[in-house]
Amino acid sequence: MADQNEAIVCEMLRAMQAKGVELTKINLQKTAFFLKSWGVSHGLRFKPYTYGPYSKDLAKLLDDLTFWDSLKLDTKTTYSIVDLPEHQLSEQDATRIRNCVDALYDNIAGSRNPDFNEMEVLGTVLYCRNALLVAGEEPTEPEVINQFKAWKGQAYTDERIADALRRIENNIPQ
């Protein structure tokens, strides 16, 4: 599974770079979480964290790619691709990854370079929505807002949370 994880993350990095998305740590974490939520099975585990869902598995994989000079950490939070390893990934999987990246940055975030807070809100809203579904509950707007506020407090307005939920639900890739 580790090779599959790396193959999917490398394809995600390529898709993000081709789209002109800045390869920041938060963009990478949230994009990988959206991929998992939308059925791209990369095996990375995510847990609640200060800034939304976070994967130590992904952080380690990015560190490994940096160690082997496949990625370069340009700043404390931003990577650039040096020479990613080639992997055998089905065209169907690669297309699904590209479609998810397109949906996230074109339709949901609405920008190729969303700010940190926007990615935090989007990732947290999706995590809360998914948690409600797993619990067998309907992820209604009030329920998602309640879950979000239980995690984040009053850091963001109800309107901003509701808007993020609508953008997510209206743009789930098929």
C-alpha atoms as a PDB file:
ATOM      1  CA  MET A   1       0.000   0.000   0.000  1.00  0.00           C
ATOM      2  CA  ALA A   2       2.925   2.359   0.644  1.00  0.00           C
ATOM      3  CA  ASP A   3       3.817   2.367  -3.067  1.00  0.00           C
ATOM      4  CA  GLN A   4       0.167   3.022  -3.943  1.00  0.00           C
ATOM      5  CA  ASN A   5       0.064   5.880  -1.418  1.00  0.00           C
ATOM      6  CA  GLU A   6       3.167   7.403  -2.992  1.00  0.00           C
ATOM      7  CA  ALA A   7       1.808   6.910  -6.513  1.00  0.00           C
ATOM      8  CA  ILE A   8      -1.433   8.703  -5.650  1.00  0.00           C
ATOM      9  CA  VAL A   9       0.330  11.530  -3.796  1.00  0.00           C
ATOM     10  CA  CYS A  10       2.781  12.002  -6.685  1.00  0.00           C
ATOM     11  CA  GLU A  11      -0.134  12.185  -9.135  1.00  0.00           C
ATOM     12  CA  MET A  12      -1.888  14.656  -6.815  1.00  0.00           C
ATOM     13  CA  LEU A  13       1.281  16.808  -6.735  1.00  0.00           C
ATOM     14  CA  ARG A  14       1.544  16.714 -10.538  1.00  0.00           C
ATOM     15  CA  ALA A  15      -2.137  17.621 -10.953  1.00  0.00           C
ATOM     16  CA  MET A  16      -1.840  20.502  -8.496  1.00  0.00           C
ATOM     17  CA  GLN A  17       1.307  21.819 -10.188  1.00  0.00           C
ATOM     18  CA  ALA A  18      -0.276  21.536 -13.659  1.00  0.00           C
ATOM     19  CA  LYS A  19      -3.242  23.550 -12.377  1.00  0.00           C
ATOM     20  CA  GLY A  20      -0.932  26.203 -10.915  1.00  0.00           C
ATOM     21  CA  VAL A  21      -1.882  25.466  -7.300  1.00  0.00           C
ATOM     22  CA  GLU A  22       0.748  26.473  -4.764  1.00  0.00           C
ATOM     23  CA  LEU A  23       2.123  23.334  -3.078  1.00  0.00           C
ATOM     24  CA  THR A  24       1.715  24.529   0.492  1.00  0.00           C
ATOM     25  CA  LYS A  25       1.470  22.099   3.356  1.00  0.00           C
ATOM     26  CA  ILE A  26      -2.152  23.048   4.040  1.00  0.00           C
ATOM     27  CA  ASN A  27      -3.144  22.733   0.364  1.00  0.00           C
ATOM     28  CA  LEU A  28      -1.513  19.295   0.210  1.00  0.00           C
ATOM     29  CA  GLN A  29      -3.130  18.094   3.444  1.00  0.00           C
ATOM     30  CA  LYS A  30      -6.607  19.294   2.506  1.00  0.00           C
ATOM     31  CA  THR A  31      -6.376  18.113  -1.110  1.00  0.00           C
ATOM     32  CA  ALA A  32      -5.387  14.617   0.051  1.00  0.00           C
ATOM     33  CA  PHE A  33      -8.300  14.653   2.511  1.00  0.00           C
ATOM     34  CA  PHE A  34     -10.732  15.681  -0.229  1.00  0.00           C
ATOM     35  CA  LEU A  35      -9.369  12.888  -2.459  1.00  0.00           C
ATOM     36  CA  LYS A  36      -9.948  10.318   0.277  1.00  0.00           C
ATOM     37  CA  SER A  37     -13.439  11.650   0.966  1.00  0.00           C
ATOM     38  CA  TRP A  38     -14.261  11.437  -2.723  1.00  0.00           C
ATOM     39  CA  GLY A  39     -13.232   7.804  -3.058  1.00  0.00           C
ATOM     40  CA  VAL A  40      -9.560   7.942  -4.061  1.00  0.00           C
ATOM     41  CA  SER A  41      -8.223   5.176  -1.850  1.00  0.00           C
ATOM     42  CA  HIS A  42      -4.717   6.231  -0.879  1.00  0.00           C
ATOM     43  CA  GLY A  43      -4.629   4.636   2.577  1.00  0.00           C
ATOM     44  CA  LEU A  44      -3.532   7.790   4.383  1.00  0.00           C
ATOM     45  CA  ARG A  45      -5.132   8.244   7.806  1.00  0.00           C
ATOM     46  CA  PHE A  46      -6.490  11.626   8.872  1.00  0.00           C
ATOM     47  CA  LYS A  47      -7.249  12.887  12.368  1.00  0.00           C
ATOM     48  CA  PRO A  48      -8.723  16.111  13.721  1.00  0.00           C
ATOM     49  CA  TYR A  49      -6.047  18.746  14.172  1.00  0.00           C
ATOM     50  CA  THR A  50      -5.824  22.446  14.966  1.00  0.00           C
ATOM     51  CA  TYR A  51      -6.268  23.476  11.322  1.00  0.00           C
ATOM     52  CA  GLY A  52      -8.649  20.747  10.201  1.00  0.00           C
ATOM     53  CA  PRO A  53      -8.004  17.157   9.173  1.00  0.00           C
ATOM     54  CA  TYR A  54      -4.310  16.225   9.190  1.00  0.00           C
ATOM     55  CA  SER A  55      -2.402  13.121   8.117  1.00  0.00           C
ATOM     56  CA  LYS A  56       0.914  12.235   9.750  1.00  0.00           C
ATOM     57  CA  ASP A  57       1.207   9.580   7.024  1.00  0.00           C
ATOM     58  CA  LEU A  58       1.128  12.279   4.343  1.00  0.00           C
ATOM     59  CA  ALA A  59       3.593  14.465   6.254  1.00  0.00           C
ATOM     60  CA  LYS A  60       6.007  11.519   6.466  1.00  0.00           C
ATOM     61  CA  LEU A  61       5.586  10.692   2.790  1.00  0.00           C
ATOM     62  CA  LEU A  62       6.324  14.323   1.863  1.00  0.00           C
ATOM     63  CA  ASP A  63       9.382  14.260   4.151  1.00  0.00           C
ATOM     64  CA  ASP A  64      10.562  11.073   2.427  1.00  0.00           C
ATOM     65  CA  LEU A  65      10.083  12.604  -1.029  1.00  0.00           C
ATOM     66  CA  THR A  66      12.064  15.638   0.149  1.00  0.00           C
ATOM     67  CA  PHE A  67      14.842  13.456   1.578  1.00  0.00           C
ATOM     68  CA  TRP A  68      15.182  11.641  -1.771  1.00  0.00           C
ATOM     69  CA  ASP A  69      15.258  14.977  -3.661  1.00  0.00           C
ATOM     70  CA  SER A  70      11.928  14.392  -5.384  1.00  0.00           C
ATOM     71  CA  LEU A  71      10.515  17.486  -3.673  1.00  0.00           C
ATOM     72  CA  LYS A  72      12.185  20.593  -2.336  1.00  0.00           C
ATOM     73  CA  LEU A  73      10.952  22.499   0.700  1.00  0.00           C
ATOM     74  CA  ASP A  74      11.345  26.067  -0.593  1.00  0.00           C
ATOM     75  CA  THR A  75      10.010  27.757   2.527  1.00  0.00           C
ATOM     76  CA  LYS A  76       8.822  26.459   5.870  1.00  0.00           C
ATOM     77  CA  THR A  77       5.427  25.696   4.308  1.00  0.00           C
ATOM     78  CA  THR A  78       5.859  25.464   0.514  1.00  0.00           C
ATOM     79  CA  TYR A  79       7.223  22.686  -1.686  1.00  0.00           C
ATOM     80  CA  SER A  80       8.308  22.541  -5.299  1.00  0.00           C
ATOM     81  CA  ILE A  81       8.595  19.447  -7.446  1.00  0.00           C
ATOM     82  CA  VAL A  82      12.143  18.460  -8.357  1.00  0.00           C
ATOM     83  CA  ASP A  83      11.802  14.999  -9.904  1.00  0.00           C
ATOM     84  CA  LEU A  84       8.901  12.841  -8.747  1.00  0.00           C
ATOM     85  CA  PRO A  85       9.277   9.090  -9.140  1.00  0.00           C
ATOM     86  CA  GLU A  86       7.245   7.439 -11.885  1.00  0.00           C
ATOM     87  CA  HIS A  87       4.580   4.975 -10.798  1.00  0.00           C
ATOM     88  CA  GLN A  88       2.115   2.679 -12.471  1.00  0.00           C
ATOM     89  CA  LEU A  89      -1.244   4.276 -11.816  1.00  0.00           C
ATOM     90  CA  SER A  90      -4.260   3.396 -13.920  1.00  0.00           C
ATOM     91  CA  GLU A  91      -5.481   6.106 -16.269  1.00  0.00           C
ATOM     92  CA  GLN A  92      -8.832   5.890 -14.481  1.00  0.00           C
ATOM     93  CA  ASP A  93      -7.176   6.660 -11.118  1.00  0.00           C
ATOM     94  CA  ALA A  94      -5.071   9.474 -12.586  1.00  0.00           C
ATOM     95  CA  THR A  95      -8.153  11.004 -14.232  1.00  0.00           C
ATOM     96  CA  ARG A  96     -10.121  10.741 -10.986  1.00  0.00           C
ATOM     97  CA  ILE A  97      -7.322  12.561  -9.117  1.00  0.00           C
ATOM     98  CA  ARG A  98      -7.175  15.333 -11.731  1.00  0.00           C
ATOM     99  CA  ASN A  99     -10.982  15.701 -11.666  1.00  0.00           C
ATOM    100  CA  CYS A 100     -10.941  15.991  -7.872  1.00  0.00           C
ATOM    101  CA  VAL A 101      -8.174  18.603  -7.948  1.00  0.00           C
ATOM    102  CA  ASP A 102     -10.124  20.532 -10.607  1.00  0.00           C
ATOM    103  CA  ALA A 103     -13.352  20.379  -8.566  1.00  0.00           C
ATOM    104  CA  LEU A 104     -11.611  21.496  -5.392  1.00  0.00           C
ATOM    105  CA  TYR A 105      -9.706  24.463  -6.795  1.00  0.00           C
ATOM    106  CA  ASP A 106     -12.038  25.602  -9.609  1.00  0.00           C
ATOM    107  CA  ASN A 107     -15.437  25.145  -7.988  1.00  0.00           C
ATOM    108  CA  ILE A 108     -15.096  24.775  -4.223  1.00  0.00           C
ATOM    109  CA  ALA A 109     -12.141  26.934  -3.211  1.00  0.00           C
ATOM    110  CA  GLY A 110     -12.729  29.109  -6.267  1.00  0.00           C
ATOM    111  CA  SER A 111      -9.038  29.856  -6.569  1.00  0.00           C
ATOM    112  CA  ARG A 112      -5.783  28.205  -7.507  1.00  0.00           C
ATOM    113  CA  ASN A 113      -4.226  29.808  -4.462  1.00  0.00           C
ATOM    114  CA  PRO A 114      -6.805  29.902  -1.688  1.00  0.00           C
ATOM    115  CA  ASP A 115      -5.680  31.399   1.580  1.00  0.00           C
ATOM    116  CA  PHE A 116      -4.819  29.322   4.629  1.00  0.00           C
ATOM    117  CA  ASN A 117      -8.109  30.055   6.409  1.00  0.00           C
ATOM    118  CA  GLU A 118     -10.178  29.035   3.383  1.00  0.00           C
ATOM    119  CA  MET A 119      -8.490  25.634   3.232  1.00  0.00           C
ATOM    120  CA  GLU A 120      -8.882  25.231   7.003  1.00  0.00           C
ATOM    121  CA  VAL A 121     -12.623  25.934   6.753  1.00  0.00           C
ATOM    122  CA  LEU A 122     -13.155  23.671   3.737  1.00  0.00           C
ATOM    123  CA  GLY A 123     -11.248  20.751   5.260  1.00  0.00           C
ATOM    124  CA  THR A 124     -12.980  21.103   8.619  1.00  0.00           C
ATOM    125  CA  VAL A 125     -16.454  21.366   7.064  1.00  0.00           C
ATOM    126  CA  LEU A 126     -15.827  18.243   4.986  1.00  0.00           C
ATOM    127  CA  TYR A 127     -14.514  16.392   8.046  1.00  0.00           C
ATOM    128  CA  CYS A 128     -17.602  17.369  10.089  1.00  0.00           C
ATOM    129  CA  ARG A 129     -19.912  16.400   7.215  1.00  0.00           C
ATOM    130  CA  ASN A 130     -18.214  13.010   6.878  1.00  0.00           C
ATOM    131  CA  ALA A 131     -18.299  12.396  10.650  1.00  0.00           C
ATOM    132  CA  LEU A 132     -22.058  12.953  10.680  1.00  0.00           C
ATOM    133  CA  LEU A 133     -22.515  10.538   7.767  1.00  0.00           C
ATOM    134  CA  VAL A 134     -20.398   7.875   9.506  1.00  0.00           C
ATOM    135  CA  ALA A 135     -22.529   8.326  12.638  1.00  0.00           C
ATOM    136  CA  GLY A 136     -25.637   7.682  10.537  1.00  0.00           C
ATOM    137  CA  GLU A 137     -26.828  11.273  10.842  1.00  0.00           C
ATOM    138  CA  GLU A 138     -27.920  13.640   8.103  1.00  0.00           C
ATOM    139  CA  PRO A 139     -25.245  16.305   7.517  1.00  0.00           C
ATOM    140  CA  THR A 140     -27.682  19.208   7.568  1.00  0.00           C
ATOM    141  CA  GLU A 141     -26.378  22.749   7.621  1.00  0.00           C
ATOM    142  CA  PRO A 142     -27.226  23.282  11.328  1.00  0.00           C
ATOM    143  CA  GLU A 143     -25.616  19.961  12.306  1.00  0.00           C
ATOM    144  CA  VAL A 144     -22.425  20.658  10.356  1.00  0.00           C
ATOM    145  CA  ILE A 145     -22.239  24.145  11.872  1.00  0.00           C
ATOM    146  CA  ASN A 146     -22.688  22.672  15.379  1.00  0.00           C
ATOM    147  CA  GLN A 147     -19.942  20.088  14.780  1.00  0.00           C
ATOM    148  CA  PHE A 148     -17.655  22.743  13.321  1.00  0.00           C
ATOM    149  CA  LYS A 149     -18.215  25.140  16.242  1.00  0.00           C
ATOM    150  CA  ALA A 150     -17.642  22.338  18.770  1.00  0.00           C
ATOM    151  CA  TRP A 151     -14.200  21.895  17.181  1.00  0.00           C
ATOM    152  CA  LYS A 152     -13.272  25.460  16.234  1.00  0.00           C
ATOM    153  CA  GLY A 153     -15.367  27.610  18.546  1.00  0.00           C
ATOM    154  CA  GLN A 154     -16.411  30.977  17.146  1.00  0.00           C
ATOM    155  CA  ALA A 155     -13.389  31.405  14.860  1.00  0.00           C
ATOM    156  CA  TYR A 156     -15.614  31.465  11.750  1.00  0.00           C
ATOM    157  CA  THR A 157     -19.139  32.730  11.107  1.00  0.00           C
ATOM    158  CA  ASP A 158     -22.116  30.461  10.538  1.00  0.00           C
ATOM    159  CA  GLU A 159     -22.453  32.008   7.068  1.00  0.00           C
ATOM    160  CA  ARG A 160     -18.889  31.125   6.103  1.00  0.00           C
ATOM    161  CA  ILE A 161     -19.333  27.537   7.307  1.00  0.00           C
ATOM    162  CA  ALA A 162     -22.688  27.181   5.515  1.00  0.00           C
ATOM    163  CA  ASP A 163     -21.228  28.619   2.303  1.00  0.00           C
ATOM    164  CA  ALA A 164     -18.343  26.127   2.422  1.00  0.00           C
ATOM    165  CA  LEU A 165     -20.801  23.252   2.957  1.00  0.00           C
ATOM    166  CA  ARG A 166     -22.913  24.342  -0.042  1.00  0.00           C
ATOM    167  CA  ARG A 167     -19.852  24.604  -2.285  1.00  0.00           C
ATOM    168  CA  ILE A 168     -18.701  21.141  -1.212  1.00  0.00           C
ATOM    169  CA  GLU A 169     -22.098  19.497  -1.668  1.00  0.00           C
ATOM    170  CA  ASN A 170     -22.684  21.155  -5.051  1.00  0.00           C
ATOM    171  CA  ASN A 171     -19.345  20.007  -6.446  1.00  0.00           C
ATOM    172  CA  ILE A 172     -18.721  16.434  -5.334  1.00  0.00           C
ATOM    173  CA  PRO A 173     -17.034  14.740  -8.333  1.00  0.00           C
ATOM    174  CA  GLN A 174     -18.863  11.731  -9.720  1.00  0.00           C
END
